[in-house]
């Protein structure tokens, strides 16, 4: 077959297999389609079907096909991260700053501490730290991966639970938004390259000036023109961040963070996020699955994933419960909020991809993080839905 035909075979697998598993298996309660797509990427990758049927893998995922898929995946995740940045609403967080900052700090700090402790355990074994990493980068990177909240996926899950537009949902969005800022700030610190610090400072200075000018321009543009300006801005920021050594995904988040959601029609923004998830992100999930590795042994990878999951869950729930005690929340409230904030999936996978690209973690550590993210997301709705049913009055409470 020609390269085009092989590429289309790969695209057929990407879109058909996860959808059939999701629809026929009726997994939506435990595993939303996005989770099934990630699992399918792992299944179709070199670690499972690639080892069982190497002929299939070599025939379908040829170097030209993998290169094409990687390009689509990069564009998909850039768009998705920019949308996440646009949807940050820091003004609401500022209006409720004591509650928001206190909760966000504990919700991020505790799982970071627990995750860093788990990373220190992994450091004692061979096969987890990347060849370009200092121990502190590995520990901080793994710790932050355990602390990440997947804001876009949490939004989808809260829509499913019918609480997104309710006061409870808006509160949780405030906490997650502040943590999102901190997460990308820590990632930038991890990636700081003292040999390229001049470039990085130049990029940040140019970004600040260009961002200020862009905000003035966007207020004068018609909404239709704002969409084109936003896409051009996205590409320029991603290129500048990658040139500076900060990774293009950091640039994509910064591009969205300086844009205001009110400049765009909310329905169109929701539709764009939905269509990116539908049309482009499955390619990113498949590309992610192609990067998984089990060379240290399947049991070791699963044990590492279990350790990281325990650290992420225990840290997030402990942090939110501590915040709830200080803020005098009612019984059970912190548990619901904690389980929603521990959702991982997309943003953590993006975070882990950056760590892998920069050789701060190995493919085996990446695989363990990926499994942890999947398990975390699958636990969210089953743990939250029954508790919400028992505390319906919490959903509409404003304080």
Protein backbone atom coordinates (compact mmCIF):
# COMPACT_ATOMS: atom_id res chain seq x y z
CA UNK A 1 0.00 0.00 0.00
CA UNK A 2 1.03 3.60 -0.52
CA UNK A 3 1.90 5.85 2.41
CA UNK A 4 -1.46 7.60 2.03
CA UNK A 5 -3.35 4.31 2.23
CA UNK A 6 -1.39 3.20 5.30
CA UNK A 7 -2.08 6.57 6.92
CA UNK A 8 -5.81 6.13 6.27
CA UNK A 9 -5.71 2.62 7.76
CA UNK A 10 -4.15 4.08 10.90
CA UNK A 11 -6.81 6.81 11.03
CA UNK A 12 -9.53 4.18 10.65
CA UNK A 13 -8.17 2.33 13.68
CA UNK A 14 -7.86 5.56 15.67
CA UNK A 15 -11.51 6.54 15.22
CA UNK A 16 -13.30 3.19 14.99
CA UNK A 17 -11.76 0.97 17.68
CA UNK A 18 -12.23 3.25 20.74
CA UNK A 19 -15.71 4.34 19.64
CA UNK A 20 -16.85 0.73 19.21
CA UNK A 21 -15.39 -0.28 22.57
CA UNK A 22 -17.04 2.70 24.25
CA UNK A 23 -20.42 2.29 22.57
CA UNK A 24 -20.74 -1.50 22.61
CA UNK A 25 -19.17 -1.83 26.06
CA UNK A 26 -21.36 0.96 27.51
CA UNK A 27 -18.43 2.19 29.55
CA UNK A 28 -19.49 5.83 29.85
CA UNK A 29 -20.17 5.79 33.59
CA UNK A 30 -16.73 4.45 34.53
CA UNK A 31 -14.73 5.29 31.42
CA UNK A 32 -15.77 8.27 29.24
CA UNK A 33 -14.85 8.10 25.57
CA UNK A 34 -11.70 10.15 26.19
CA UNK A 35 -10.45 7.47 28.63
CA UNK A 36 -11.27 4.66 26.20
CA UNK A 37 -9.34 6.52 23.48
CA UNK A 38 -6.28 6.72 25.73
CA UNK A 39 -6.56 3.02 26.62
CA UNK A 40 -6.92 2.15 22.94
CA UNK A 41 -3.77 4.12 22.18
CA UNK A 42 -1.88 2.01 24.72
CA UNK A 43 -3.45 -1.17 23.32
CA UNK A 44 -2.50 -0.34 19.73
CA UNK A 45 0.98 0.80 20.70
CA UNK A 46 4.28 -1.07 20.64
CA UNK A 47 4.02 -2.33 24.20
CA UNK A 48 0.97 -4.59 23.75
CA UNK A 49 -0.28 -5.35 20.22
CA UNK A 50 3.05 -4.20 18.81
CA UNK A 51 4.80 -6.96 20.78
CA UNK A 52 2.11 -9.57 20.19
CA UNK A 53 1.85 -8.80 16.45
CA UNK A 54 5.02 -6.99 15.38
CA UNK A 55 4.13 -7.40 11.72
CA UNK A 56 0.92 -5.43 12.20
CA UNK A 57 2.70 -2.64 14.00
CA UNK A 58 5.51 -2.31 11.46
CA UNK A 59 3.05 -2.36 8.55
CA UNK A 60 0.62 0.26 9.93
CA UNK A 61 2.77 2.58 12.03
CA UNK A 62 5.57 3.21 9.58
CA UNK A 63 7.92 6.18 10.20
CA UNK A 64 6.11 8.45 7.68
CA UNK A 65 2.73 7.61 9.24
CA UNK A 66 4.00 8.19 12.78
CA UNK A 67 5.49 11.53 11.68
CA UNK A 68 2.17 12.61 10.14
CA UNK A 69 0.24 11.56 13.23
CA UNK A 70 2.68 13.42 15.47
CA UNK A 71 2.11 16.64 13.52
CA UNK A 72 -1.67 16.35 13.86
CA UNK A 73 -1.32 15.45 17.54
CA UNK A 74 0.86 18.51 18.23
CA UNK A 75 -1.65 20.85 16.61
CA UNK A 76 -4.54 19.18 18.47
CA UNK A 77 -2.98 19.55 21.89
CA UNK A 78 -1.92 23.14 21.17
CA UNK A 79 -5.53 24.04 20.40
CA UNK A 80 -6.83 22.19 23.43
CA UNK A 81 -4.38 23.82 25.82
CA UNK A 82 -5.09 27.27 24.41
CA UNK A 83 -8.82 26.74 25.03
CA UNK A 84 -8.04 25.68 28.60
CA UNK A 85 -6.06 28.89 29.04
CA UNK A 86 -8.87 31.03 27.63
CA UNK A 87 -11.37 29.45 30.01
CA UNK A 88 -9.40 30.43 33.09
CA UNK A 89 -11.42 33.00 35.04
CA UNK A 90 -9.04 34.60 37.50
CA UNK A 91 -11.40 37.49 38.23
CA UNK A 92 -13.84 35.14 39.94
CA UNK A 93 -10.97 33.65 41.91
CA UNK A 94 -9.92 37.16 42.98
CA UNK A 95 -13.43 37.99 44.17
CA UNK A 96 -13.29 34.94 46.46
CA UNK A 97 -9.54 35.09 46.98
CA UNK A 98 -9.26 33.85 50.56
CA UNK A 99 -11.28 30.70 49.95
CA UNK A 100 -9.91 30.15 46.43
CA UNK A 101 -6.22 30.68 47.23
CA UNK A 102 -6.34 28.65 50.45
CA UNK A 103 -8.11 25.71 48.81
CA UNK A 104 -5.95 25.83 45.67
CA UNK A 105 -2.72 25.91 47.72
CA UNK A 106 -3.64 22.88 49.81
CA UNK A 107 -5.16 21.04 46.83
CA UNK A 108 -1.89 21.46 44.93
CA UNK A 109 0.68 21.41 47.73
CA UNK A 110 -0.32 18.18 49.46
CA UNK A 111 -0.40 15.91 46.38
CA UNK A 112 2.83 17.58 45.22
CA UNK A 113 4.45 16.56 48.50
CA UNK A 114 3.02 13.04 48.37
CA UNK A 115 3.94 12.65 44.70
CA UNK A 116 7.50 13.89 45.28
CA UNK A 117 7.84 11.29 48.04
CA UNK A 118 6.68 8.59 45.61
CA UNK A 119 9.21 9.87 43.06
CA UNK A 120 11.97 9.60 45.66
CA UNK A 121 11.03 5.92 46.06
CA UNK A 122 11.24 5.41 42.27
CA UNK A 123 14.65 7.09 42.24
CA UNK A 124 16.00 4.18 44.27
CA UNK A 125 15.34 1.89 41.28
CA UNK A 126 16.84 1.91 37.80
CA UNK A 127 14.74 2.72 34.74
CA UNK A 128 12.57 5.66 35.81
CA UNK A 129 14.64 8.86 35.69
CA UNK A 130 15.42 10.25 32.23
CA UNK A 131 18.96 10.64 30.92
CA UNK A 132 18.78 14.46 30.86
CA UNK A 133 17.23 14.90 34.32
CA UNK A 134 18.71 16.06 37.57
CA UNK A 135 17.15 14.22 40.55
CA UNK A 136 15.33 17.39 41.66
CA UNK A 137 13.75 17.76 38.20
CA UNK A 138 12.52 14.17 38.26
CA UNK A 139 11.15 14.45 41.80
CA UNK A 140 9.46 17.80 41.18
CA UNK A 141 8.13 16.70 37.79
CA UNK A 142 6.59 13.48 39.12
CA UNK A 143 5.27 15.33 42.17
CA UNK A 144 3.56 17.93 40.02
CA UNK A 145 2.14 15.21 37.74
CA UNK A 146 0.45 13.77 40.84
CA UNK A 147 -0.90 17.22 41.76
CA UNK A 148 -2.29 18.18 38.33
CA UNK A 149 -6.02 18.71 37.88
CA UNK A 150 -7.24 18.13 34.32
CA UNK A 151 -9.39 21.24 33.99
CA UNK A 152 -10.89 20.48 30.52
CA UNK A 153 -11.81 16.89 31.47
CA UNK A 154 -13.14 18.02 34.84
CA UNK A 155 -15.42 20.41 32.94
CA UNK A 156 -16.73 17.50 30.84
CA UNK A 157 -17.33 15.38 33.95
CA UNK A 158 -19.11 18.22 35.74
CA UNK A 159 -21.35 18.65 32.69
CA UNK A 160 -22.17 14.96 32.95
CA UNK A 161 -23.01 15.42 36.64
CA UNK A 162 -25.10 18.56 35.84
CA UNK A 163 -23.17 20.84 38.19
CA UNK A 164 -20.94 22.86 35.84
CA UNK A 165 -23.13 26.00 35.76
CA UNK A 166 -24.17 25.62 39.39
CA UNK A 167 -22.44 27.48 42.28
CA UNK A 168 -20.59 24.30 43.32
CA UNK A 169 -19.20 23.82 39.81
CA UNK A 170 -18.09 27.45 39.59
CA UNK A 171 -16.32 27.15 42.95
CA UNK A 172 -14.41 24.09 41.80
CA UNK A 173 -13.47 25.84 38.55
CA UNK A 174 -11.92 28.67 40.59
CA UNK A 175 -9.76 26.26 42.57
CA UNK A 176 -8.68 24.34 39.46
CA UNK A 177 -7.93 27.54 37.54
CA UNK A 178 -5.46 28.77 40.16
CA UNK A 179 -3.79 25.36 40.25
CA UNK A 180 -3.53 25.41 36.44
CA UNK A 181 -1.50 28.61 36.60
CA UNK A 182 0.82 27.11 39.23
CA UNK A 183 1.24 23.87 37.28
CA UNK A 184 2.51 25.59 34.15
CA UNK A 185 4.68 27.91 36.20
CA UNK A 186 6.36 24.94 37.88
CA UNK A 187 6.79 23.24 34.51
CA UNK A 188 8.54 26.34 33.18
CA UNK A 189 10.84 26.27 36.23
CA UNK A 190 11.62 22.57 35.68
CA UNK A 191 12.47 23.24 32.04
CA UNK A 192 14.65 26.29 32.81
CA UNK A 193 17.90 25.75 30.95
CA UNK A 194 20.72 27.90 32.28
CA UNK A 195 22.57 27.51 28.99
CA UNK A 196 19.59 29.06 27.21
CA UNK A 197 18.40 31.39 29.97
CA UNK A 198 19.00 34.40 27.75
CA UNK A 199 16.60 33.05 25.16
CA UNK A 200 14.02 32.20 27.80
CA UNK A 201 14.15 35.66 29.38
CA UNK A 202 13.95 37.22 25.92
CA UNK A 203 10.89 35.12 25.10
CA UNK A 204 9.14 36.04 28.37
CA UNK A 205 9.88 39.74 27.87
CA UNK A 206 8.67 39.65 24.25
CA UNK A 207 5.59 37.68 25.32
CA UNK A 208 4.68 40.26 27.97
CA UNK A 209 4.97 43.14 25.50
CA UNK A 210 3.20 41.32 22.66
CA UNK A 211 0.49 40.07 25.01
CA UNK A 212 -0.26 43.62 26.17
CA UNK A 213 -0.48 44.83 22.55
CA UNK A 214 -2.64 41.85 21.55
CA UNK A 215 -5.15 42.53 24.33
CA UNK A 216 -5.61 46.07 23.06
CA UNK A 217 -6.00 44.79 19.50
CA UNK A 218 -8.50 42.08 20.40
CA UNK A 219 -10.86 44.61 22.00
CA UNK A 220 -11.06 46.47 18.68
CA UNK A 221 -11.52 43.44 16.42
CA UNK A 222 -14.81 41.93 15.33
CA UNK A 223 -15.43 38.55 16.94
CA UNK A 224 -14.88 36.67 13.65
CA UNK A 225 -11.45 38.27 13.28
CA UNK A 226 -10.60 37.46 16.91
CA UNK A 227 -10.65 33.73 16.12
CA UNK A 228 -8.06 34.13 13.34
CA UNK A 229 -5.95 36.45 15.48
CA UNK A 230 -6.07 33.91 18.32
CA UNK A 231 -4.82 31.09 16.06
CA UNK A 232 -1.95 33.21 14.72
CA UNK A 233 -1.09 34.23 18.30
CA UNK A 234 -1.14 30.55 19.35
CA UNK A 235 1.36 29.50 16.69
CA UNK A 236 3.69 32.44 17.38
CA UNK A 237 3.69 31.80 21.15
CA UNK A 238 4.25 28.07 20.71
CA UNK A 239 7.12 28.70 18.30
CA UNK A 240 8.72 31.25 20.62
CA UNK A 241 8.45 29.00 23.68
CA UNK A 242 9.93 26.04 21.81
CA UNK A 243 12.78 28.21 20.45
CA UNK A 244 13.49 29.32 24.03
CA UNK A 245 13.59 25.72 25.29
CA UNK A 246 10.36 25.93 27.32
CA UNK A 247 8.41 23.55 25.00
CA UNK A 248 5.65 24.58 22.62
CA UNK A 249 2.92 23.38 25.02
CA UNK A 250 3.97 26.00 27.59
CA UNK A 251 3.65 28.60 24.85
CA UNK A 252 0.20 27.30 23.92
CA UNK A 253 -1.03 27.69 27.50
CA UNK A 254 0.42 31.19 27.79
CA UNK A 255 -1.24 32.12 24.48
CA UNK A 256 -4.66 31.20 25.88
CA UNK A 257 -4.08 32.59 29.36
CA UNK A 258 -3.79 36.22 28.16
CA UNK A 259 -7.04 35.97 26.16
CA UNK A 260 -10.42 36.66 27.77
CA UNK A 261 -13.29 34.20 27.37
CA UNK A 262 -15.72 37.12 27.07
CA UNK A 263 -14.10 38.09 23.75
CA UNK A 264 -15.54 34.92 22.21
CA UNK A 265 -19.03 33.53 21.98
CA UNK A 266 -19.28 30.96 24.79
CA UNK A 267 -21.29 28.51 22.68
CA UNK A 268 -18.71 28.68 19.91
CA UNK A 269 -15.91 28.16 22.42
CA UNK A 270 -17.71 25.12 23.85
CA UNK A 271 -18.27 23.78 20.34
CA UNK A 272 -14.61 24.31 19.44
CA UNK A 273 -13.51 22.33 22.51
CA UNK A 274 -16.00 19.61 21.63
CA UNK A 275 -14.88 19.42 18.00
CA UNK A 276 -11.18 19.38 18.90
CA UNK A 277 -11.94 16.47 21.24
CA UNK A 278 -13.96 14.72 18.54
CA UNK A 279 -11.85 15.33 15.45
CA UNK A 280 -8.24 15.89 16.53
CA UNK A 281 -7.53 14.68 20.06
CA UNK A 282 -8.00 10.94 19.26
CA UNK A 283 -4.84 11.25 17.15
CA UNK A 284 -3.00 12.70 20.16
CA UNK A 285 -4.18 9.78 22.32
CA UNK A 286 -2.94 7.26 19.77
CA UNK A 287 0.40 9.07 19.50
CA UNK A 288 0.61 8.99 23.29
CA UNK A 289 0.00 5.24 23.30
CA UNK A 290 2.80 4.77 20.78
CA UNK A 291 5.23 6.16 23.37
CA UNK A 292 4.43 3.66 26.13
CA UNK A 293 7.05 1.12 27.14
CA UNK A 294 7.14 -1.90 29.45
CA UNK A 295 10.84 -2.78 29.31
CA UNK A 296 11.26 -2.72 33.10
CA UNK A 297 8.50 -5.33 33.25
CA UNK A 298 4.72 -5.04 33.25
CA UNK A 299 4.46 -5.77 36.97
CA UNK A 300 6.96 -3.03 37.84
CA UNK A 301 5.10 -0.49 35.71
CA UNK A 302 1.76 -1.37 37.33
CA UNK A 303 3.29 -1.19 40.80
CA UNK A 304 4.75 2.24 40.02
CA UNK A 305 1.37 3.38 38.66
CA UNK A 306 -0.35 2.14 41.84
CA UNK A 307 2.17 4.00 44.01
CA UNK A 308 1.65 7.22 42.05
CA UNK A 309 -2.14 6.84 42.12
CA UNK A 310 -2.12 6.35 45.89
CA UNK A 311 0.07 9.43 46.32
CA UNK A 312 -2.14 11.53 44.02
CA UNK A 313 -5.42 10.46 45.65
CA UNK A 314 -4.25 10.64 49.25
CA UNK A 315 -2.52 13.97 48.73
CA UNK A 316 -5.43 15.63 46.92
CA UNK A 317 -8.07 14.42 49.39
CA UNK A 318 -5.91 15.29 52.41
CA UNK A 319 -5.20 18.77 51.06
CA UNK A 320 -8.84 19.57 50.27
CA UNK A 321 -10.01 18.18 53.62
CA UNK A 322 -7.49 20.38 55.41
CA UNK A 323 -8.75 23.42 53.47
CA UNK A 324 -12.34 22.45 54.25
CA UNK A 325 -11.59 22.23 57.95
CA UNK A 326 -9.99 25.69 57.97
CA UNK A 327 -12.89 27.15 55.96
CA UNK A 328 -15.51 25.28 58.03
CA UNK A 329 -17.14 23.40 55.17
CA UNK A 330 -19.93 21.02 56.03
CA UNK A 331 -19.30 17.28 56.38
CA UNK A 332 -18.84 15.50 53.06
CA UNK A 333 -18.25 18.66 51.04
CA UNK A 334 -14.46 18.30 50.93
CA UNK A 335 -14.74 14.70 49.76
CA UNK A 336 -16.82 15.65 46.71
CA UNK A 337 -14.58 18.58 45.81
CA UNK A 338 -11.43 16.52 46.40
CA UNK A 339 -12.55 13.70 44.11
CA UNK A 340 -13.39 16.14 41.32
CA UNK A 341 -10.08 17.99 41.67
CA UNK A 342 -8.08 14.76 41.51
CA UNK A 343 -9.21 14.14 37.91
CA UNK A 344 -6.10 13.73 35.76
CA UNK A 345 -6.38 12.57 32.11
CA UNK A 346 -5.53 15.15 29.46
CA UNK A 347 -3.52 17.84 31.22
CA UNK A 348 -1.44 15.34 33.15
CA UNK A 349 -0.79 13.39 29.94
CA UNK A 350 0.28 16.62 28.24
CA UNK A 351 2.49 17.40 31.25
CA UNK A 352 4.03 13.92 31.12
CA UNK A 353 4.61 14.23 27.35
CA UNK A 354 6.66 17.37 27.98
CA UNK A 355 8.74 15.59 30.64
CA UNK A 356 9.32 12.71 28.21
CA UNK A 357 10.19 15.02 25.32
CA UNK A 358 12.81 16.72 27.49
CA UNK A 359 14.16 13.31 28.62
CA UNK A 360 13.39 14.02 32.27
CA UNK A 361 11.53 10.71 32.60
CA UNK A 362 11.84 7.40 30.78
CA UNK A 363 9.18 5.76 28.62
CA UNK A 364 8.53 3.37 31.52
CA UNK A 365 7.87 6.25 33.93
CA UNK A 366 5.67 7.85 31.28
CA UNK A 367 3.66 4.62 30.99
CA UNK A 368 3.17 4.48 34.77
CA UNK A 369 1.99 8.10 34.79
CA UNK A 370 -0.39 7.37 31.93
CA UNK A 371 -1.92 4.42 33.78
CA UNK A 372 -2.27 6.56 36.90
CA UNK A 373 -4.07 9.28 34.91
CA UNK A 374 -6.50 6.76 33.43
CA UNK A 375 -7.33 5.20 36.80
CA UNK A 376 -7.75 8.63 38.39
CA UNK A 377 -10.24 9.75 35.75
CA UNK A 378 -12.19 6.50 35.82
CA UNK A 379 -12.69 6.83 39.58
CA UNK A 380 -14.13 10.34 39.49
CA UNK A 381 -17.79 9.88 38.47
CA UNK A 382 -18.39 6.63 40.45
CA UNK A 383 -16.99 8.28 43.60
CA UNK A 384 -18.77 11.63 43.17
CA UNK A 385 -22.22 10.76 41.77
CA UNK A 386 -23.53 8.81 44.82
CA UNK A 387 -22.27 11.49 47.21
CA UNK A 388 -23.90 14.27 45.19
CA UNK A 389 -27.19 12.36 45.25
CA UNK A 390 -27.07 12.43 49.06
CA UNK A 391 -26.14 16.14 49.23
CA UNK A 392 -28.22 17.82 46.50
CA UNK A 393 -28.49 21.06 48.48
CA UNK A 394 -24.70 21.48 48.21
CA UNK A 395 -24.92 22.02 44.43
CA UNK A 396 -26.75 25.34 44.58
CA UNK A 397 -25.19 26.70 47.75
CA UNK A 398 -23.35 29.97 47.08
CA UNK A 399 -21.04 30.20 50.11
